[in-house]
Structure formats: structure tokens, C-alpha cells
Amino acid sequence: MNTDSHPEPAKLLGDLRAPSLGRVFDLDPGRFPGMPMWAGHPPFQVVTYRTPKGLRIRQDQDWLAPEVNRENIGIVSEMLVATCHSGAHIDALAHITCGADDHWHGDSSAADALGDFGPTDHDASTLPPIVTRAVLADVAGHLGVHRLGRSHPVSLDEFEGAMARQGTAPPAQGDVVLVRTGQMSVWPDQQRMAETQGSGITRPIADMAADLGVTAVGVDTESCEVVPSIEPGNPHPVHQRLLIEAGIYIMENIYLEELAAAGVYEFLFIALPPRIEGATGSMLRPIAIA
């Protein structure tokens, strides 16, 4: 499936008519210095860049001159030092590489498409706006726990069992599939999160998503798949299957607690990733409309 394209107009119009409650759920847990981060990414930091006092001292802006600025107008600005994979985010197709040639989706590789300022194709500038039907499989709820145990591999049987228990219609082409492990129920307590770290989906769920041609798969964990991997020799089989082979986006750290508590398992999903050239992902503020 070519996930760089927009959804079919007929599907989009049908999905837009689906909400009946008019209730909006925020699926972004937020970001802050010291927030939980996957070990392979830099920490998230916000640094104050300009201040009213600093501006008055430097006097490096024309509008600061006393005859122009009698009201002493100032500004506060900041510099963000972070990976685009901070908090709720979406992986671009260039995020994961494979093989000695370090190739990613579409037969691009580090040798021919990785420059000084990031990948030159399938980067975050190619991420589409996502407006489509989504389904939530509350696997933790299905198994009767608040959150899955440490490194629990979510099987296809558990996914389908959760969907059946909820009475949710199966995902279809172009949909978004979301899976709840319950890890976000203790966000951002890093000590408690570490107790059950590593739960995630397995390759059969990725195969199902690829066969259906969904737009994206999202999970409420920092890595969508089970860690450590249960497949010998491949630490990230789900990322490989979805991003490299199928061209299906992955979303991580999606906040699903309120949806599950409200028993909302099918809804309109909207996520608008900023288009950043050279980035391998994009922070998200996803919402669900029931």
C-alpha cells in the first residue's frame, strides 16, 4: 500500500460522518524535560533563548529603541533540543534500516539517500496528514490487568480476543490500528514504568496490518514491539515488517487510557505530523473523536 497518498475520498467522507457523541479524546501524554525516553534517543530539553531583560540589555532589535517601544514590550522565546521521537510520535519510513547496505523502505539506502542533514527520501517531510477510522484493541483490559507484564508479547490471538470482547469491527484498508498495553496508566513515573517495560506487539499483528493495508499501527509504549525480541537474530522484526517492507507508519507513546476507560474502541482519528525535512519521525498531538 502506498501510504504516502491521501485516503480515498469516499472512505474519508464516510469516516468523517462516523462520530456520533461529539467527544474529543486527547491522545498525547505531553512532553517536558526529564520525561521518559527510549534509551536510543537524546533527552528532551527546553532552553529559554530570549528574555525581556536580555533583549533590553543587548538592544539588538530595531523595535527595542525607546522611541519605538514606549510600552516596554518584550518577548520570551525558547530553543527545543530533542528528537522528533519524543512523546507521542510517528516514525517516518526512513527511521529503520536493514542489511549491510543500511537500506530502508523503497530500496533507499544510507549510501545514496542519507546526507549531512538526514534522509533525502521517506523522511518526515513526506508524512501525510492522517484523518481516518481507527480501532483500539484494549489487550490489557481483555486480559483483566491494569497493564501487561514486563516484556509481554502481544499475540494475534490476544489482539483478536480483545476486538471480539469489545464487539469492535475489524480494521480495514486505510484504517489506524491502536493497541493498549496499559503502560501509559503509570506515565510518567519512570520507576513504575520500568517494572512493566517491554510489552508490545509481535510480528503476526504486523503481518495482519500489512495484509490489510492499514495506514498506521500505534501502541502506548516507547517501542511498539515486544522488547527484548522473541525472534532470534532480529531485535526489531515489527519495525522491519511495517516500515521497511510494508510502508506502514508506526506510532508510539500514544495515550489510550481515557479511550479505554470510556469504552470507546472505534472512532475518527486525526494526527497532523509537522513536515520536517531530514527528520526520521515527527511529534504528534493525535486526537480521537467518538
C-alpha atoms as a PDB file:
ATOM      1  CA  MET A   1       0.000   0.000   0.000  1.00  0.00           C
ATOM      2  CA  ASN A   2       1.258   3.481  -0.854  1.00  0.00           C
ATOM      3  CA  THR A   3       0.823   5.203   2.493  1.00  0.00           C
ATOM      4  CA  ASP A   4       2.262   8.486   1.201  1.00  0.00           C
ATOM      5  CA  SER A   5      -1.054   9.155  -0.556  1.00  0.00           C
ATOM      6  CA  HIS A   6      -4.227  10.572   0.902  1.00  0.00           C
ATOM      7  CA  PRO A   7      -7.195   8.272   1.634  1.00  0.00           C
ATOM      8  CA  GLU A   8      -9.839   7.643  -0.971  1.00  0.00           C
ATOM      9  CA  PRO A   9     -12.424  10.468  -0.881  1.00  0.00           C
ATOM     10  CA  ALA A  10     -15.333   8.069  -0.340  1.00  0.00           C
ATOM     11  CA  LYS A  11     -13.653   6.464   2.677  1.00  0.00           C
ATOM     12  CA  LEU A  12     -12.647   9.824   4.123  1.00  0.00           C
ATOM     13  CA  LEU A  13     -16.152  11.241   3.832  1.00  0.00           C
ATOM     14  CA  GLY A  14     -17.598   8.129   5.444  1.00  0.00           C
ATOM     15  CA  ASP A  15     -15.083   8.267   8.290  1.00  0.00           C
ATOM     16  CA  LEU A  16     -15.850  11.949   8.896  1.00  0.00           C
ATOM     17  CA  ARG A  17     -19.537  11.103   9.337  1.00  0.00           C
ATOM     18  CA  ALA A  18     -18.844   8.305  11.826  1.00  0.00           C
ATOM     19  CA  PRO A  19     -18.586  10.232  15.144  1.00  0.00           C
ATOM     20  CA  SER A  20     -21.908  10.329  16.986  1.00  0.00           C
ATOM     21  CA  LEU A  21     -21.027  11.506  20.522  1.00  0.00           C
ATOM     22  CA  GLY A  22     -19.066  14.627  19.646  1.00  0.00           C
ATOM     23  CA  ARG A  23     -16.481  13.804  22.317  1.00  0.00           C
ATOM     24  CA  VAL A  24     -12.789  14.545  21.731  1.00  0.00           C
ATOM     25  CA  PHE A  25     -10.047  12.474  23.368  1.00  0.00           C
ATOM     26  CA  ASP A  26      -6.509  13.838  23.573  1.00  0.00           C
ATOM     27  CA  LEU A  27      -4.050  11.013  22.845  1.00  0.00           C
ATOM     28  CA  ASP A  28      -0.879  12.993  23.582  1.00  0.00           C
ATOM     29  CA  PRO A  29       0.691  12.459  27.041  1.00  0.00           C
ATOM     30  CA  GLY A  30       2.747  15.652  26.693  1.00  0.00           C
ATOM     31  CA  ARG A  31       6.452  16.480  26.795  1.00  0.00           C
ATOM     32  CA  PHE A  32       8.745  18.003  29.428  1.00  0.00           C
ATOM     33  CA  PRO A  33      12.417  17.997  30.476  1.00  0.00           C
ATOM     34  CA  GLY A  34      13.204  14.721  32.215  1.00  0.00           C
ATOM     35  CA  MET A  35      10.321  12.878  30.547  1.00  0.00           C
ATOM     36  CA  PRO A  36      10.585   9.126  29.881  1.00  0.00           C
ATOM     37  CA  MET A  37      12.534   8.450  26.694  1.00  0.00           C
ATOM     38  CA  TRP A  38      13.719   5.363  24.839  1.00  0.00           C
ATOM     39  CA  ALA A  39      17.421   4.850  25.595  1.00  0.00           C
ATOM     40  CA  GLY A  40      18.409   5.291  21.937  1.00  0.00           C
ATOM     41  CA  HIS A  41      17.150   8.888  21.818  1.00  0.00           C
ATOM     42  CA  PRO A  42      18.549  12.063  23.405  1.00  0.00           C
ATOM     43  CA  PRO A  43      16.734  13.598  26.377  1.00  0.00           C
ATOM     44  CA  PHE A  44      14.030  16.187  25.806  1.00  0.00           C
ATOM     45  CA  GLN A  45      15.010  19.715  26.792  1.00  0.00           C
ATOM     46  CA  VAL A  46      13.532  23.203  26.525  1.00  0.00           C
ATOM     47  CA  VAL A  47      16.007  26.066  26.915  1.00  0.00           C
ATOM     48  CA  THR A  48      14.983  29.705  27.223  1.00  0.00           C
ATOM     49  CA  TYR A  49      16.523  31.593  24.293  1.00  0.00           C
ATOM     50  CA  ARG A  50      15.443  35.232  24.633  1.00  0.00           C
ATOM     51  CA  THR A  51      14.013  37.106  27.613  1.00  0.00           C
ATOM     52  CA  PRO A  52      12.632  40.636  28.102  1.00  0.00           C
ATOM     53  CA  LYS A  53      15.603  41.592  30.289  1.00  0.00           C
ATOM     54  CA  GLY A  54      18.126  40.083  27.896  1.00  0.00           C
ATOM     55  CA  LEU A  55      16.604  41.976  24.984  1.00  0.00           C
ATOM     56  CA  ARG A  56      16.793  45.267  26.859  1.00  0.00           C
ATOM     57  CA  ILE A  57      20.451  44.631  27.706  1.00  0.00           C
ATOM     58  CA  ARG A  58      21.536  43.650  24.189  1.00  0.00           C
ATOM     59  CA  GLN A  59      19.345  46.125  22.301  1.00  0.00           C
ATOM     60  CA  ASP A  60      19.846  44.066  19.121  1.00  0.00           C
ATOM     61  CA  GLN A  61      16.347  44.548  17.673  1.00  0.00           C
ATOM     62  CA  ASP A  62      15.175  47.733  15.959  1.00  0.00           C
ATOM     63  CA  TRP A  63      11.820  47.632  17.739  1.00  0.00           C
ATOM     64  CA  LEU A  64      13.516  47.882  21.160  1.00  0.00           C
ATOM     65  CA  ALA A  65      14.518  51.516  20.711  1.00  0.00           C
ATOM     66  CA  PRO A  66      12.879  53.663  23.432  1.00  0.00           C
ATOM     67  CA  GLU A  67      11.236  55.983  20.908  1.00  0.00           C
ATOM     68  CA  VAL A  68       9.598  52.950  19.247  1.00  0.00           C
ATOM     69  CA  ASN A  69       8.849  50.801  22.311  1.00  0.00           C
ATOM     70  CA  ARG A  70       7.431  53.138  24.942  1.00  0.00           C
ATOM     71  CA  GLU A  71       5.344  50.269  26.372  1.00  0.00           C
ATOM     72  CA  ASN A  72       8.452  48.143  27.087  1.00  0.00           C
ATOM     73  CA  ILE A  73       7.154  45.224  25.046  1.00  0.00           C
ATOM     74  CA  GLY A  74       9.349  42.137  25.416  1.00  0.00           C
ATOM     75  CA  ILE A  75       9.330  38.527  24.284  1.00  0.00           C
ATOM     76  CA  VAL A  76      10.160  35.133  25.685  1.00  0.00           C
ATOM     77  CA  SER A  77      11.358  32.545  23.173  1.00  0.00           C
ATOM     78  CA  GLU A  78      12.888  29.130  23.524  1.00  0.00           C
ATOM     79  CA  MET A  79      15.086  26.555  21.841  1.00  0.00           C
ATOM     80  CA  LEU A  80      13.940  22.945  21.735  1.00  0.00           C
ATOM     81  CA  VAL A  81      16.663  20.290  21.994  1.00  0.00           C
ATOM     82  CA  ALA A  82      15.030  16.947  21.336  1.00  0.00           C
ATOM     83  CA  THR A  83      14.474  14.076  18.981  1.00  0.00           C
ATOM     84  CA  CYS A  84      11.338  14.109  16.870  1.00  0.00           C
ATOM     85  CA  HIS A  85      10.587  10.753  18.528  1.00  0.00           C
ATOM     86  CA  SER A  86       9.714  12.477  21.834  1.00  0.00           C
ATOM     87  CA  GLY A  87       6.393  11.641  23.466  1.00  0.00           C
ATOM     88  CA  ALA A  88       3.558  10.702  21.142  1.00  0.00           C
ATOM     89  CA  HIS A  89       5.175  10.467  17.725  1.00  0.00           C
ATOM     90  CA  ILE A  90       5.118   8.813  14.329  1.00  0.00           C
ATOM     91  CA  ASP A  91       8.026   7.017  12.663  1.00  0.00           C
ATOM     92  CA  ALA A  92       8.786   8.039   9.091  1.00  0.00           C
ATOM     93  CA  LEU A  93       9.657   5.220   6.710  1.00  0.00           C
ATOM     94  CA  ALA A  94      13.371   6.137   6.780  1.00  0.00           C
ATOM     95  CA  HIS A  95      13.610   5.536  10.528  1.00  0.00           C
ATOM     96  CA  ILE A  96      14.685   1.885  10.443  1.00  0.00           C
ATOM     97  CA  THR A  97      17.421   0.388   8.267  1.00  0.00           C
ATOM     98  CA  CYS A  98      18.354  -3.197   7.488  1.00  0.00           C
ATOM     99  CA  GLY A  99      21.239  -5.123   5.952  1.00  0.00           C
ATOM    100  CA  ALA A 100      24.874  -4.320   5.297  1.00  0.00           C
ATOM    101  CA  ASP A 101      23.750  -1.540   2.929  1.00  0.00           C
ATOM    102  CA  ASP A 102      21.568   0.082   5.613  1.00  0.00           C
ATOM    103  CA  HIS A 103      18.526   0.213   3.335  1.00  0.00           C
ATOM    104  CA  TRP A 104      15.068   1.409   4.266  1.00  0.00           C
ATOM    105  CA  HIS A 105      11.671   1.442   2.558  1.00  0.00           C
ATOM    106  CA  GLY A 106      11.646   1.766  -1.213  1.00  0.00           C
ATOM    107  CA  ASP A 107      15.159   0.379  -1.684  1.00  0.00           C
ATOM    108  CA  SER A 108      16.727   3.609  -0.471  1.00  0.00           C
ATOM    109  CA  SER A 109      19.935   3.246   1.500  1.00  0.00           C
ATOM    110  CA  ALA A 110      22.368   5.239   3.590  1.00  0.00           C
ATOM    111  CA  ALA A 111      24.868   5.149   0.718  1.00  0.00           C
ATOM    112  CA  ASP A 112      22.645   7.036  -1.721  1.00  0.00           C
ATOM    113  CA  ALA A 113      19.995   8.830   0.343  1.00  0.00           C
ATOM    114  CA  LEU A 114      21.483   9.820   3.722  1.00  0.00           C
ATOM    115  CA  GLY A 115      23.015  13.281   3.698  1.00  0.00           C
ATOM    116  CA  ASP A 116      24.512  15.602   6.283  1.00  0.00           C
ATOM    117  CA  PHE A 117      21.007  16.742   7.204  1.00  0.00           C
ATOM    118  CA  GLY A 118      19.204  13.419   7.349  1.00  0.00           C
ATOM    119  CA  PRO A 119      17.498  11.126   4.840  1.00  0.00           C
ATOM    120  CA  THR A 120      16.613  12.683   1.497  1.00  0.00           C
ATOM    121  CA  ASP A 121      13.586  10.474   0.881  1.00  0.00           C
ATOM    122  CA  HIS A 122      10.873   8.914   3.025  1.00  0.00           C
ATOM    123  CA  ASP A 123      11.766  11.412   5.750  1.00  0.00           C
ATOM    124  CA  ALA A 124       9.297  13.303   7.938  1.00  0.00           C
ATOM    125  CA  SER A 125       8.625  15.847   5.191  1.00  0.00           C
ATOM    126  CA  THR A 126       6.738  13.091   3.351  1.00  0.00           C
ATOM    127  CA  LEU A 127       4.457  12.197   6.270  1.00  0.00           C
ATOM    128  CA  PRO A 128       0.808  12.738   5.305  1.00  0.00           C
ATOM    129  CA  PRO A 129      -1.953  14.188   7.467  1.00  0.00           C
ATOM    130  CA  ILE A 130      -3.821  11.220   8.912  1.00  0.00           C
ATOM    131  CA  VAL A 131      -7.613  11.503   9.079  1.00  0.00           C
ATOM    132  CA  THR A 132      -9.275   8.106   9.145  1.00  0.00           C
ATOM    133  CA  ARG A 133     -11.177   5.482  11.102  1.00  0.00           C
ATOM    134  CA  ALA A 134      -9.238   3.892  13.946  1.00  0.00           C
ATOM    135  CA  VAL A 135      -9.854   0.876  16.126  1.00  0.00           C
ATOM    136  CA  LEU A 136      -8.495   0.257  19.610  1.00  0.00           C
ATOM    137  CA  ALA A 137      -7.709  -3.208  20.911  1.00  0.00           C
ATOM    138  CA  ASP A 138      -7.556  -2.983  24.715  1.00  0.00           C
ATOM    139  CA  VAL A 139      -5.404  -6.053  25.295  1.00  0.00           C
ATOM    140  CA  ALA A 140      -4.740  -5.208  28.941  1.00  0.00           C
ATOM    141  CA  GLY A 141      -8.472  -4.932  29.576  1.00  0.00           C
ATOM    142  CA  HIS A 142      -9.109  -8.162  27.691  1.00  0.00           C
ATOM    143  CA  LEU A 143      -6.618  -9.987  29.930  1.00  0.00           C
ATOM    144  CA  GLY A 144      -8.049  -8.422  33.089  1.00  0.00           C
ATOM    145  CA  VAL A 145      -4.993  -6.404  34.132  1.00  0.00           C
ATOM    146  CA  HIS A 146      -4.237  -2.711  34.518  1.00  0.00           C
ATOM    147  CA  ARG A 147      -1.076  -3.133  32.442  1.00  0.00           C
ATOM    148  CA  LEU A 148       0.656  -6.045  30.807  1.00  0.00           C
ATOM    149  CA  GLY A 149       3.624  -7.675  32.500  1.00  0.00           C
ATOM    150  CA  ARG A 150       7.237  -6.944  31.715  1.00  0.00           C
ATOM    151  CA  SER A 151       8.151  -7.860  28.101  1.00  0.00           C
ATOM    152  CA  HIS A 152       4.718  -9.359  27.444  1.00  0.00           C
ATOM    153  CA  PRO A 153       4.476 -10.314  23.746  1.00  0.00           C
ATOM    154  CA  VAL A 154       1.028  -9.325  22.476  1.00  0.00           C
ATOM    155  CA  SER A 155      -0.108 -12.146  20.212  1.00  0.00           C
ATOM    156  CA  LEU A 156      -2.537 -12.022  17.318  1.00  0.00           C
ATOM    157  CA  ASP A 157      -4.898 -14.220  19.351  1.00  0.00           C
ATOM    158  CA  GLU A 158      -4.858 -11.656  22.169  1.00  0.00           C
ATOM    159  CA  PHE A 159      -5.463  -8.830  19.709  1.00  0.00           C
ATOM    160  CA  GLU A 160      -8.388 -10.639  18.096  1.00  0.00           C
ATOM    161  CA  GLY A 161      -9.708 -11.679  21.512  1.00  0.00           C
ATOM    162  CA  ALA A 162      -9.745  -8.056  22.649  1.00  0.00           C
ATOM    163  CA  MET A 163     -11.560  -6.974  19.499  1.00  0.00           C
ATOM    164  CA  ALA A 164     -14.148  -9.742  19.919  1.00  0.00           C
ATOM    165  CA  ARG A 165     -14.682  -8.941  23.604  1.00  0.00           C
ATOM    166  CA  GLN A 166     -15.267  -5.299  22.724  1.00  0.00           C
ATOM    167  CA  GLY A 167     -17.536  -6.099  19.782  1.00  0.00           C
ATOM    168  CA  THR A 168     -15.353  -3.937  17.545  1.00  0.00           C
ATOM    169  CA  ALA A 169     -15.488  -4.360  13.777  1.00  0.00           C
ATOM    170  CA  PRO A 170     -12.133  -5.488  12.364  1.00  0.00           C
ATOM    171  CA  PRO A 171      -9.714  -2.952  10.889  1.00  0.00           C
ATOM    172  CA  ALA A 172      -9.864  -2.326   7.157  1.00  0.00           C
ATOM    173  CA  GLN A 173      -7.613  -0.874   4.497  1.00  0.00           C
ATOM    174  CA  GLY A 174      -6.583   2.674   5.300  1.00  0.00           C
ATOM    175  CA  ASP A 175      -7.538   2.458   8.991  1.00  0.00           C
ATOM    176  CA  VAL A 176      -5.301   3.057  12.002  1.00  0.00           C
ATOM    177  CA  VAL A 177      -4.835   0.177  14.449  1.00  0.00           C
ATOM    178  CA  LEU A 178      -4.141   1.045  18.107  1.00  0.00           C
ATOM    179  CA  VAL A 179      -3.140  -1.424  20.820  1.00  0.00           C
ATOM    180  CA  ARG A 180      -3.314  -0.722  24.562  1.00  0.00           C
ATOM    181  CA  THR A 181      -0.887  -2.460  26.919  1.00  0.00           C
ATOM    182  CA  GLY A 182      -1.719  -0.186  29.863  1.00  0.00           C
ATOM    183  CA  GLN A 183       1.815   1.177  30.166  1.00  0.00           C
ATOM    184  CA  MET A 184       0.546   4.756  29.997  1.00  0.00           C
ATOM    185  CA  SER A 185      -1.542   4.192  33.131  1.00  0.00           C
ATOM    186  CA  VAL A 186       1.583   4.989  35.192  1.00  0.00           C
ATOM    187  CA  TRP A 187       3.064   7.670  32.919  1.00  0.00           C
ATOM    188  CA  PRO A 188       5.369   9.499  33.643  1.00  0.00           C
ATOM    189  CA  ASP A 189       6.532   7.566  36.740  1.00  0.00           C
ATOM    190  CA  GLN A 190       9.711   6.082  35.300  1.00  0.00           C
ATOM    191  CA  GLN A 191      10.248   3.684  38.201  1.00  0.00           C
ATOM    192  CA  ARG A 192       6.783   2.164  37.846  1.00  0.00           C
ATOM    193  CA  MET A 193       7.044   2.139  34.062  1.00  0.00           C
ATOM    194  CA  ALA A 194      10.301   0.194  34.308  1.00  0.00           C
ATOM    195  CA  GLU A 195       8.519  -2.532  36.282  1.00  0.00           C
ATOM    196  CA  THR A 196       6.463  -3.492  33.214  1.00  0.00           C
ATOM    197  CA  GLN A 197       8.688  -2.177  30.455  1.00  0.00           C
ATOM    198  CA  GLY A 198       8.998  -4.014  27.152  1.00  0.00           C
ATOM    199  CA  SER A 199       5.462  -5.216  26.427  1.00  0.00           C
ATOM    200  CA  GLY A 200       4.494  -4.819  22.789  1.00  0.00           C
ATOM    201  CA  ILE A 201       3.077  -6.345  19.649  1.00  0.00           C
ATOM    202  CA  THR A 202       4.540  -9.267  17.711  1.00  0.00           C
ATOM    203  CA  ARG A 203       5.136  -9.990  14.021  1.00  0.00           C
ATOM    204  CA  PRO A 204       1.766 -11.740  13.384  1.00  0.00           C
ATOM    205  CA  ILE A 205      -0.030  -8.487  14.231  1.00  0.00           C
ATOM    206  CA  ALA A 206       2.302  -6.630  11.879  1.00  0.00           C
ATOM    207  CA  ASP A 207       1.593  -9.237   9.183  1.00  0.00           C
ATOM    208  CA  MET A 208      -2.146  -8.731   9.663  1.00  0.00           C
ATOM    209  CA  ALA A 209      -1.743  -4.958   9.361  1.00  0.00           C
ATOM    210  CA  ALA A 210       0.367  -5.352   6.228  1.00  0.00           C
ATOM    211  CA  ASP A 211      -2.100  -7.762   4.633  1.00  0.00           C
ATOM    212  CA  LEU A 212      -4.968  -5.336   5.281  1.00  0.00           C
ATOM    213  CA  GLY A 213      -3.042  -2.287   4.088  1.00  0.00           C
ATOM    214  CA  VAL A 214      -3.720  -0.119   7.135  1.00  0.00           C
ATOM    215  CA  THR A 215      -2.266   3.386   7.315  1.00  0.00           C
ATOM    216  CA  ALA A 216      -0.541   3.077  10.683  1.00  0.00           C
ATOM    217  CA  VAL A 217      -0.175   0.948  13.797  1.00  0.00           C
ATOM    218  CA  GLY A 218       0.088   2.686  17.171  1.00  0.00           C
ATOM    219  CA  VAL A 219       0.884   1.431  20.665  1.00  0.00           C
ATOM    220  CA  ASP A 220       1.049   3.068  24.104  1.00  0.00           C
ATOM    221  CA  THR A 221       4.707   2.110  24.640  1.00  0.00           C
ATOM    222  CA  GLU A 222       8.054   3.682  23.748  1.00  0.00           C
ATOM    223  CA  SER A 223       8.739   0.843  21.298  1.00  0.00           C
ATOM    224  CA  CYS A 224       5.668  -0.596  19.642  1.00  0.00           C
ATOM    225  CA  GLU A 225       7.014  -4.151  19.733  1.00  0.00           C
ATOM    226  CA  VAL A 226       7.972  -6.553  22.494  1.00  0.00           C
ATOM    227  CA  VAL A 227      11.432  -5.931  23.963  1.00  0.00           C
ATOM    228  CA  PRO A 228      13.568  -7.954  24.010  1.00  0.00           C
ATOM    229  CA  SER A 229      12.535  -9.507  20.716  1.00  0.00           C
ATOM    230  CA  ILE A 230      11.231 -13.059  20.732  1.00  0.00           C
ATOM    231  CA  GLU A 231      12.697 -13.622  17.252  1.00  0.00           C
ATOM    232  CA  PRO A 232      16.333 -14.777  17.355  1.00  0.00           C
ATOM    233  CA  GLY A 233      18.646 -12.593  15.300  1.00  0.00           C
ATOM    234  CA  ASN A 234      16.206  -9.727  14.769  1.00  0.00           C
ATOM    235  CA  PRO A 235      15.815  -7.129  17.542  1.00  0.00           C
ATOM    236  CA  HIS A 236      13.089  -5.177  15.682  1.00  0.00           C
ATOM    237  CA  PRO A 237      11.034  -7.521  13.466  1.00  0.00           C
ATOM    238  CA  VAL A 238       7.836  -5.449  13.743  1.00  0.00           C
ATOM    239  CA  HIS A 239       9.585  -2.239  12.702  1.00  0.00           C
ATOM    240  CA  GLN A 240      11.178  -4.098   9.798  1.00  0.00           C
ATOM    241  CA  ARG A 241       7.866  -5.611   8.677  1.00  0.00           C
ATOM    242  CA  LEU A 242       5.833  -2.424   8.897  1.00  0.00           C
ATOM    243  CA  LEU A 243       8.221   0.381   7.983  1.00  0.00           C
ATOM    244  CA  ILE A 244      10.661  -1.250   5.569  1.00  0.00           C
ATOM    245  CA  GLU A 245       8.619  -3.989   3.931  1.00  0.00           C
ATOM    246  CA  ALA A 246       5.031  -2.722   4.045  1.00  0.00           C
ATOM    247  CA  GLY A 247       5.426   1.053   4.122  1.00  0.00           C
ATOM    248  CA  ILE A 248       3.101   1.332   7.125  1.00  0.00           C
ATOM    249  CA  TYR A 249       3.745   4.015   9.710  1.00  0.00           C
ATOM    250  CA  ILE A 250       4.331   3.263  13.391  1.00  0.00           C
ATOM    251  CA  MET A 251       3.116   5.498  16.221  1.00  0.00           C
ATOM    252  CA  GLU A 252       4.416   5.165  19.769  1.00  0.00           C
ATOM    253  CA  ASN A 253       3.657   6.611  23.217  1.00  0.00           C
ATOM    254  CA  ILE A 254       0.007   7.097  22.269  1.00  0.00           C
ATOM    255  CA  TYR A 255      -2.135   7.843  25.326  1.00  0.00           C
ATOM    256  CA  LEU A 256      -5.060   5.398  25.261  1.00  0.00           C
ATOM    257  CA  GLU A 257      -6.194   5.358  28.904  1.00  0.00           C
ATOM    258  CA  GLU A 258      -9.223   7.637  28.586  1.00  0.00           C
ATOM    259  CA  LEU A 259     -10.473   5.879  25.469  1.00  0.00           C
ATOM    260  CA  ALA A 260     -10.305   2.507  27.212  1.00  0.00           C
ATOM    261  CA  ALA A 261     -11.943   3.843  30.386  1.00  0.00           C
ATOM    262  CA  ALA A 262     -14.820   5.247  28.331  1.00  0.00           C
ATOM    263  CA  GLY A 263     -15.224   2.016  26.367  1.00  0.00           C
ATOM    264  CA  VAL A 264     -14.597   3.793  23.070  1.00  0.00           C
ATOM    265  CA  TYR A 265     -12.970   1.378  20.657  1.00  0.00           C
ATOM    266  CA  GLU A 266     -13.880   2.791  17.232  1.00  0.00           C
ATOM    267  CA  PHE A 267     -13.562   6.457  16.317  1.00  0.00           C
ATOM    268  CA  LEU A 268     -12.317   9.111  13.925  1.00  0.00           C
ATOM    269  CA  PHE A 269      -8.559   9.511  14.332  1.00  0.00           C
ATOM    270  CA  ILE A 270      -6.726  12.714  13.423  1.00  0.00           C
ATOM    271  CA  ALA A 271      -2.955  13.220  13.552  1.00  0.00           C
ATOM    272  CA  LEU A 272      -1.150  16.021  11.722  1.00  0.00           C
ATOM    273  CA  PRO A 273       2.627  15.469  11.797  1.00  0.00           C
ATOM    274  CA  PRO A 274       4.789  18.548  11.133  1.00  0.00           C
ATOM    275  CA  ARG A 275       6.730  18.138   7.888  1.00  0.00           C
ATOM    276  CA  ILE A 276      10.422  18.332   8.800  1.00  0.00           C
ATOM    277  CA  GLU A 277      12.991  17.660   6.092  1.00  0.00           C
ATOM    278  CA  GLY A 278      15.672  15.194   7.157  1.00  0.00           C
ATOM    279  CA  ALA A 279      13.847  14.025  10.277  1.00  0.00           C
ATOM    280  CA  THR A 280      13.024  10.344  10.745  1.00  0.00           C
ATOM    281  CA  GLY A 281       9.815  10.980  12.646  1.00  0.00           C
ATOM    282  CA  SER A 282       7.544  13.682  13.939  1.00  0.00           C
ATOM    283  CA  MET A 283       5.999  14.583  17.267  1.00  0.00           C
ATOM    284  CA  LEU A 284       2.215  14.257  17.280  1.00  0.00           C
ATOM    285  CA  ARG A 285      -0.841  15.689  19.008  1.00  0.00           C
ATOM    286  CA  PRO A 286      -3.256  12.928  17.951  1.00  0.00           C
ATOM    287  CA  ILE A 287      -6.938  13.083  18.835  1.00  0.00           C
ATOM    288  CA  ALA A 288      -9.854  10.680  18.685  1.00  0.00           C
ATOM    289  CA  ILE A 289     -13.402  11.885  18.025  1.00  0.00           C
ATOM    290  CA  ALA A 290     -16.120   9.495  19.184  1.00  0.00           C
END
